[in-house]
Amino acid sequence: MDTAQTISPPPDISKSSRLLSLDIFRGLTIAGMIIVNEPGIHDHAYAPLLHAAWNGITPTDFVFPFFVFMVGASVSLSYSKQSGKGTPKKKMIGKIFRRAIILFLLGMLLSISPLFNFSNVRVPGVLQRIGIVYMCCSLLFLYTNWRFQAKLGIAILILYCMAMTLVPVPGYGYPILEPGKNLAAWLDRIVIPGRMWQGTWDPEGILSTFPAIVTGITGMLAGHLLVSKETIERKIIWLFFSGFISFAVANVWHWFFPINKNLWTSPFVLYTSGLAAMVLASLYFLADVLGYKRWAKFPMIYGSNAIVAYVFAGIASDLLFLKWGGKNGISANNIIINAVTPSGIPLEIISLAWAISFCLFCFIPVYFLYKKKLFLRI
């Protein structure tokens, strides 16, 4: 049988902002984010489910940049469709700023959940960074072409590398990349009000947000390719080829400027974006081109309301770990873990079982929304 005759053409992306592969990728990523963020016993998680202590990378470190990459890809798909319909830029810009502000405020609100102690508010954060990246990428898409975006991304990565490795850090008199002592941490201490994640510095701080925007730009470039008039074969080949080149360059750059998630270093951007492009190419070929999607029902549903899943997980986790009765009180997590521990099951397995169970629990509201055909958009 001629295999080509069994392949259905993928949907016309210029007429639809949704790709099955992107929803599947987003769903796998958000499920992974929940699992790595919510171990049952924080001191007993398997090594691949922990962030790299500093330099280097683990599978857990892929989650956030993969999501940022997909934000960029979604910008290309969504605004290509709206531009094709003739939607006025003024109307799109209004929605862009509204969504970015809501994401930023929602992230700040989660930082004080569930007791809403405003003295403990954290200005930077995951949703805050996503909001900033979304806003910058959206404006770039509306006012520049893909060539300018690529050149800007390269320039930012080079300038960020030069700033972090060549500019002397005040108080030390020389460049340094150690935790809490580097240029990014120094700037955060001066500018950022309120609480920071690591006390004297924040992984979602000001300077490292610039290369994070480049992660969004790489996703936009992938989206540009997917909405282009190129053939299916060339789209997949270019996604794989560019992803592999990015991955290879990152490994070489790592010799001079280490891969580091907390600093969101330039090689970290290229390493994770390269992998993201290759994963997206694979899912695009399997789900959108070949039509193999039954296996992906779970992540596809998760990806259809990813922000809902993330916010629900943040609130539910805070409640499960909240110690009722003050500092010496006990949480729901304590009760469940203490009941299972005497069984003799290794603590790492208990911790992982909690994380997976919590991920399935967070699937319930997302599944309910999916069955009702409700897709909440900020």
Protein backbone atom coordinates (compact mmCIF):
# COMPACT_ATOMS: atom_id res chain seq x y z
CA MET A 1 0.00 0.00 0.00
CA ASP A 2 1.19 3.51 -0.74
CA THR A 3 1.71 5.05 2.70
CA ALA A 4 1.24 8.57 1.35
CA GLN A 5 -2.39 7.76 0.48
CA THR A 6 -3.21 7.05 4.15
CA ILE A 7 -1.96 10.43 5.38
CA SER A 8 -4.61 13.11 5.76
CA PRO A 9 -3.55 16.70 5.19
CA PRO A 10 -3.21 18.72 8.43
CA PRO A 11 -5.67 21.54 9.13
CA ASP A 12 -5.14 24.87 7.42
CA ILE A 13 -3.33 26.72 10.19
CA SER A 14 -3.95 30.06 8.55
CA LYS A 15 -7.66 29.55 9.25
CA SER A 16 -7.39 28.01 12.71
CA SER A 17 -5.17 29.02 15.64
CA ARG A 18 -5.37 25.52 17.15
CA LEU A 19 -3.00 22.67 16.46
CA LEU A 20 -3.49 19.28 18.11
CA SER A 21 0.26 18.98 18.49
CA LEU A 22 0.48 22.28 20.36
CA ASP A 23 -2.35 21.33 22.73
CA ILE A 24 -0.71 17.94 23.34
CA PHE A 25 2.69 19.52 23.94
CA ARG A 26 1.13 22.12 26.26
CA GLY A 27 -0.76 19.43 28.15
CA LEU A 28 2.31 17.23 28.62
CA THR A 29 4.22 20.27 29.84
CA ILE A 30 1.61 21.47 32.32
CA ALA A 31 1.18 17.93 33.69
CA GLY A 32 4.95 17.69 34.05
CA MET A 33 5.02 21.09 35.76
CA ILE A 34 2.46 19.96 38.33
CA ILE A 35 4.28 16.68 39.02
CA VAL A 36 7.70 18.28 39.56
CA ASN A 37 6.27 21.18 41.58
CA GLU A 38 4.22 19.05 43.95
CA PRO A 39 6.22 16.14 45.44
CA GLY A 40 4.55 14.64 48.48
CA ILE A 41 7.81 14.82 50.44
CA HIS A 42 10.02 17.67 49.25
CA ASP A 43 13.22 16.13 50.60
CA HIS A 44 12.56 12.77 48.94
CA ALA A 45 12.07 13.30 45.22
CA TYR A 46 13.88 11.40 42.47
CA ALA A 47 16.81 13.33 40.98
CA PRO A 48 15.25 13.83 37.50
CA LEU A 49 12.27 15.50 39.23
CA LEU A 50 14.50 18.12 40.86
CA HIS A 51 15.92 21.28 39.34
CA ALA A 52 19.67 21.41 38.79
CA ALA A 53 21.26 22.87 41.92
CA TRP A 54 22.95 25.56 39.80
CA ASN A 55 24.81 24.92 36.52
CA GLY A 56 23.64 22.04 34.35
CA ILE A 57 20.16 20.81 33.50
CA THR A 58 17.66 18.10 34.45
CA PRO A 59 14.36 17.07 32.80
CA THR A 60 12.59 19.28 35.35
CA ASP A 61 14.37 22.33 33.97
CA PHE A 62 12.72 21.78 30.56
CA VAL A 63 9.20 22.46 31.83
CA PHE A 64 9.15 26.25 32.19
CA PRO A 65 11.06 27.09 28.97
CA PHE A 66 8.93 24.60 27.02
CA PHE A 67 5.83 26.46 28.21
CA VAL A 68 7.35 29.84 27.30
CA PHE A 69 8.29 28.43 23.86
CA MET A 70 4.65 27.46 23.34
CA VAL A 71 3.50 30.94 24.37
CA GLY A 72 5.54 32.28 21.45
CA ALA A 73 4.23 29.64 19.06
CA SER A 74 0.65 30.39 20.09
CA VAL A 75 1.22 34.11 19.45
CA SER A 76 2.19 33.35 15.84
CA LEU A 77 -0.76 31.05 15.26
CA SER A 78 -3.35 33.24 16.95
CA TYR A 79 -2.36 36.62 15.53
CA SER A 80 -1.75 35.21 12.06
CA LYS A 81 -5.38 34.13 12.07
CA GLN A 82 -6.61 37.48 13.42
CA SER A 83 -4.48 39.46 10.97
CA GLY A 84 -5.88 37.33 8.15
CA LYS A 85 -9.39 38.28 9.25
CA GLY A 86 -8.47 41.95 9.16
CA THR A 87 -8.78 42.52 12.91
CA PRO A 88 -7.54 46.07 13.67
CA LYS A 89 -4.19 46.26 15.45
CA LYS A 90 -5.63 48.66 18.01
CA LYS A 91 -8.16 46.03 19.09
CA MET A 92 -5.48 43.33 19.29
CA ILE A 93 -3.15 45.57 21.31
CA GLY A 94 -5.91 46.22 23.84
CA LYS A 95 -6.35 42.47 24.38
CA ILE A 96 -2.59 41.95 24.57
CA PHE A 97 -2.12 44.43 27.42
CA ARG A 98 -5.23 43.18 29.21
CA ARG A 99 -4.06 39.56 29.12
CA ALA A 100 -0.53 40.45 30.18
CA ILE A 101 -1.75 42.49 33.14
CA ILE A 102 -4.17 39.76 34.26
CA LEU A 103 -1.42 37.11 34.09
CA PHE A 104 0.95 39.34 36.07
CA LEU A 105 -1.61 40.12 38.77
CA LEU A 106 -2.77 36.50 38.92
CA GLY A 107 0.83 35.42 39.53
CA MET A 108 1.19 37.95 42.35
CA LEU A 109 -2.10 36.78 43.84
CA LEU A 110 -0.92 33.16 43.85
CA SER A 111 2.23 34.24 45.71
CA ILE A 112 0.14 35.22 48.75
CA SER A 113 -2.33 32.33 48.54
CA PRO A 114 -4.03 30.95 50.61
CA LEU A 115 -3.71 33.33 53.59
CA PHE A 116 -3.43 36.51 51.48
CA ASN A 117 -0.65 38.01 53.55
CA PHE A 118 0.13 41.04 51.39
CA SER A 119 3.40 41.67 53.24
CA ASN A 120 4.61 38.42 51.68
CA VAL A 121 3.79 39.36 48.07
CA ARG A 122 6.30 38.35 45.38
CA VAL A 123 6.45 40.64 42.36
CA PRO A 124 8.39 38.32 40.00
CA GLY A 125 7.14 34.81 39.32
CA VAL A 126 6.17 32.20 36.73
CA LEU A 127 2.89 33.71 35.54
CA GLN A 128 4.39 37.19 35.75
CA ARG A 129 7.21 36.16 33.41
CA ILE A 130 4.77 34.45 31.06
CA GLY A 131 2.71 37.65 30.95
CA ILE A 132 5.76 39.77 30.09
CA VAL A 133 6.95 37.33 27.41
CA TYR A 134 3.47 37.14 25.92
CA MET A 135 3.19 40.92 25.73
CA CYS A 136 6.64 41.44 24.19
CA CYS A 137 6.24 38.62 21.65
CA SER A 138 2.77 39.79 20.65
CA LEU A 139 3.94 43.34 20.00
CA LEU A 140 6.96 42.08 18.08
CA PHE A 141 4.69 39.91 15.95
CA LEU A 142 2.40 42.82 15.10
CA TYR A 143 5.14 45.31 14.24
CA THR A 144 8.12 43.31 12.95
CA ASN A 145 8.85 40.40 10.62
CA TRP A 146 10.44 37.08 11.48
CA ARG A 147 13.89 38.15 10.25
CA PHE A 148 13.96 41.09 12.66
CA GLN A 149 12.73 38.84 15.48
CA ALA A 150 15.50 36.31 14.81
CA LYS A 151 18.18 39.02 14.72
CA LEU A 152 16.83 40.61 17.90
CA GLY A 153 16.86 37.26 19.68
CA ILE A 154 20.47 36.59 18.70
CA ALA A 155 21.49 40.11 19.78
CA ILE A 156 19.83 39.74 23.19
CA LEU A 157 21.53 36.40 23.84
CA ILE A 158 24.96 37.78 22.93
CA LEU A 159 24.52 40.99 24.94
CA TYR A 160 23.19 39.06 27.96
CA CYS A 161 26.20 36.74 27.83
CA MET A 162 28.56 39.72 27.65
CA ALA A 163 26.83 41.50 30.54
CA MET A 164 26.91 38.44 32.82
CA THR A 165 30.48 37.38 32.03
CA LEU A 166 32.27 40.70 31.44
CA VAL A 167 30.62 43.37 33.64
CA PRO A 168 32.12 43.59 37.15
CA VAL A 169 29.55 43.05 39.89
CA PRO A 170 29.45 45.99 42.35
CA GLY A 171 30.88 44.92 45.67
CA TYR A 172 33.13 42.30 44.07
CA GLY A 173 34.90 44.24 41.34
CA TYR A 174 34.86 41.37 38.84
CA PRO A 175 32.27 39.28 36.93
CA ILE A 176 30.84 36.39 38.91
CA LEU A 177 28.10 33.84 38.21
CA GLU A 178 27.60 32.39 41.69
CA PRO A 179 24.14 32.24 43.34
CA GLY A 180 23.11 35.57 44.82
CA LYS A 181 26.38 37.22 43.82
CA ASN A 182 25.96 37.71 40.08
CA LEU A 183 24.94 40.84 38.18
CA ALA A 184 21.29 39.72 37.86
CA ALA A 185 21.00 39.19 41.62
CA TRP A 186 22.60 42.57 42.33
CA LEU A 187 20.07 44.29 40.07
CA ASP A 188 17.14 42.43 41.64
CA ARG A 189 18.16 43.53 45.13
CA ILE A 190 18.22 47.16 44.03
CA VAL A 191 15.03 47.26 41.97
CA ILE A 192 12.57 44.53 43.03
CA PRO A 193 10.34 45.33 46.02
CA GLY A 194 8.85 42.76 48.37
CA ARG A 195 9.80 39.12 48.77
CA MET A 196 12.20 37.32 46.42
CA TRP A 197 12.12 33.56 45.92
CA GLN A 198 15.64 32.99 47.24
CA GLY A 199 15.74 35.84 49.71
CA THR A 200 18.46 37.95 48.07
CA TRP A 201 17.73 37.01 44.45
CA ASP A 202 14.98 35.66 42.24
CA PRO A 203 15.16 33.18 39.31
CA GLU A 204 12.40 35.18 37.58
CA GLY A 205 14.17 38.50 38.12
CA ILE A 206 14.66 41.45 35.79
CA LEU A 207 17.81 40.71 33.81
CA SER A 208 17.05 37.04 33.15
CA THR A 209 13.64 38.00 31.75
CA PHE A 210 15.35 39.30 28.58
CA PRO A 211 16.66 35.86 27.47
CA ALA A 212 13.29 34.40 28.54
CA ILE A 213 11.71 36.70 25.95
CA VAL A 214 14.08 35.13 23.41
CA THR A 215 12.67 31.71 24.35
CA GLY A 216 9.28 33.13 23.39
CA ILE A 217 10.77 34.46 20.15
CA THR A 218 12.08 30.99 19.25
CA GLY A 219 8.54 29.69 19.70
CA MET A 220 7.28 32.51 17.46
CA LEU A 221 9.76 31.51 14.78
CA ALA A 222 8.48 27.93 14.98
CA GLY A 223 4.94 29.28 14.68
CA HIS A 224 5.94 31.39 11.67
CA LEU A 225 7.19 28.24 9.98
CA LEU A 226 4.00 26.30 10.75
CA VAL A 227 1.73 29.01 9.28
CA SER A 228 3.94 29.51 6.23
CA LYS A 229 3.18 28.16 2.76
CA GLU A 230 5.99 25.62 2.99
CA THR A 231 5.16 21.98 2.35
CA ILE A 232 4.49 19.68 5.29
CA GLU A 233 7.78 17.88 4.69
CA ARG A 234 9.80 21.11 4.71
CA LYS A 235 8.08 22.35 7.86
CA ILE A 236 8.97 19.18 9.76
CA ILE A 237 12.51 19.06 8.36
CA TRP A 238 13.18 22.71 9.20
CA LEU A 239 11.81 22.33 12.72
CA PHE A 240 14.05 19.31 13.33
CA PHE A 241 17.09 20.84 11.64
CA SER A 242 16.87 24.23 13.38
CA GLY A 243 16.14 22.53 16.69
CA PHE A 244 19.18 20.29 16.36
CA ILE A 245 21.46 23.19 15.37
CA SER A 246 20.21 25.22 18.35
CA PHE A 247 20.81 22.25 20.65
CA ALA A 248 24.33 21.74 19.28
CA VAL A 249 25.29 25.42 19.56
CA ALA A 250 24.04 25.44 23.16
CA ASN A 251 26.32 22.56 24.09
CA VAL A 252 29.34 24.40 22.67
CA TRP A 253 28.36 27.73 24.26
CA HIS A 254 28.04 25.90 27.58
CA TRP A 255 31.84 25.59 27.67
CA PHE A 256 32.10 29.39 28.05
CA PHE A 257 28.74 30.40 29.58
CA PRO A 258 27.14 27.54 31.51
CA ILE A 259 23.64 26.23 30.97
CA ASN A 260 21.76 27.56 33.99
CA LYS A 261 17.99 27.70 34.48
CA ASN A 262 18.07 30.14 37.40
CA LEU A 263 19.98 32.68 35.31
CA TRP A 264 18.15 31.62 32.11
CA THR A 265 21.51 31.79 30.36
CA SER A 266 21.89 32.09 26.59
CA PRO A 267 22.87 28.44 26.07
CA PHE A 268 19.94 27.43 28.30
CA VAL A 269 17.64 29.25 25.84
CA LEU A 270 19.14 27.49 22.81
CA TYR A 271 19.29 24.08 24.51
CA THR A 272 15.65 24.05 25.65
CA SER A 273 14.28 25.78 22.54
CA GLY A 274 16.11 23.31 20.33
CA LEU A 275 14.57 20.38 22.18
CA ALA A 276 11.16 22.06 22.15
CA ALA A 277 11.32 22.52 18.36
CA MET A 278 12.18 18.84 17.84
CA VAL A 279 9.40 17.70 20.21
CA LEU A 280 6.88 19.96 18.43
CA ALA A 281 7.99 18.61 15.04
CA SER A 282 7.47 15.03 16.26
CA LEU A 283 4.02 15.75 17.71
CA TYR A 284 3.01 17.73 14.61
CA PHE A 285 3.93 14.77 12.41
CA LEU A 286 2.18 12.21 14.63
CA ALA A 287 -0.98 14.11 15.59
CA ASP A 288 -1.66 16.68 12.86
CA VAL A 289 -0.22 14.91 9.83
CA LEU A 290 -0.67 11.18 10.52
CA GLY A 291 -3.73 11.70 12.74
CA TYR A 292 -2.47 9.54 15.63
CA LYS A 293 -4.23 11.25 18.53
CA ARG A 294 -6.11 8.66 20.57
CA TRP A 295 -3.04 8.10 22.75
CA ALA A 296 -2.90 11.82 23.52
CA LYS A 297 -6.43 12.44 24.82
CA PHE A 298 -5.21 13.13 28.37
CA PRO A 299 -2.55 15.75 27.53
CA MET A 300 -4.75 17.26 24.80
CA ILE A 301 -7.51 17.92 27.35
CA TYR A 302 -4.97 19.24 29.86
CA GLY A 303 -3.51 21.55 27.23
CA SER A 304 -6.90 22.99 26.28
CA ASN A 305 -7.11 24.80 29.65
CA ALA A 306 -3.51 24.90 30.80
CA ILE A 307 -3.71 28.14 32.80
CA VAL A 308 -6.78 26.83 34.67
CA ALA A 309 -4.83 23.69 35.58
CA TYR A 310 -1.83 25.71 36.76
CA VAL A 311 -3.87 28.11 38.91
CA PHE A 312 -6.00 25.30 40.37
CA ALA A 313 -2.86 23.32 41.19
CA GLY A 314 -1.30 26.30 42.95
CA ILE A 315 -4.34 26.95 45.13
CA ALA A 316 -5.04 23.26 45.88
CA SER A 317 -1.40 22.63 46.81
CA ASP A 318 -1.34 25.59 49.19
CA LEU A 319 -4.44 24.25 50.93
CA LEU A 320 -3.10 20.68 51.16
CA PHE A 321 0.22 21.82 52.64
CA LEU A 322 -1.28 24.54 54.86
CA LYS A 323 -0.69 23.75 58.54
CA TRP A 324 -3.94 24.25 60.38
CA GLY A 325 -3.49 25.45 63.93
CA GLY A 326 -0.37 27.57 63.34
CA LYS A 327 3.27 26.61 62.87
CA ASN A 328 2.93 23.56 65.10
CA GLY A 329 -0.25 22.44 63.39
CA ILE A 330 -0.69 19.66 60.86
CA SER A 331 -1.56 19.71 57.19
CA ALA A 332 -3.58 17.34 55.03
CA ASN A 333 -0.29 16.35 53.41
CA ASN A 334 1.17 15.45 56.83
CA ILE A 335 -1.84 13.29 57.69
CA ILE A 336 -1.75 11.32 54.43
CA ILE A 337 2.04 10.90 54.27
CA ASN A 338 2.25 9.87 57.95
CA ALA A 339 -0.45 7.27 57.36
CA VAL A 340 1.40 5.71 54.40
CA THR A 341 5.01 5.91 55.66
CA PRO A 342 4.79 2.97 58.16
CA SER A 343 4.03 0.65 55.21
CA GLY A 344 7.75 0.52 54.43
CA ILE A 345 7.34 1.83 50.90
CA PRO A 346 10.42 3.93 49.95
CA LEU A 347 9.80 7.60 50.61
CA GLU A 348 10.73 8.51 47.02
CA ILE A 349 7.94 6.28 45.70
CA ILE A 350 5.45 7.77 48.17
CA SER A 351 6.51 11.25 47.13
CA LEU A 352 6.11 10.43 43.43
CA ALA A 353 2.75 8.71 44.00
CA TRP A 354 1.50 11.87 45.72
CA ALA A 355 2.67 14.02 42.80
CA ILE A 356 0.99 11.80 40.18
CA SER A 357 -2.22 11.55 42.22
CA PHE A 358 -2.27 15.33 42.62
CA CYS A 359 -1.78 15.74 38.86
CA LEU A 360 -4.78 13.46 38.23
CA PHE A 361 -6.79 15.42 40.81
CA CYS A 362 -6.04 18.67 39.00
CA PHE A 363 -7.27 17.05 35.78
CA ILE A 364 -10.85 16.91 37.14
CA PRO A 365 -11.79 20.61 36.68
CA VAL A 366 -10.02 20.73 33.32
CA TYR A 367 -11.91 17.65 32.12
CA PHE A 368 -15.19 19.17 33.32
CA LEU A 369 -14.53 22.35 31.34
CA TYR A 370 -13.53 20.31 28.28
CA LYS A 371 -16.77 18.28 28.37
CA LYS A 372 -18.73 21.52 28.62
CA LYS A 373 -16.68 22.89 25.68
CA LEU A 374 -15.52 25.76 27.87
CA PHE A 375 -12.02 26.97 27.09
CA LEU A 376 -11.12 29.79 29.42
CA ARG A 377 -8.98 32.46 27.84
CA ILE A 378 -7.48 35.31 29.79
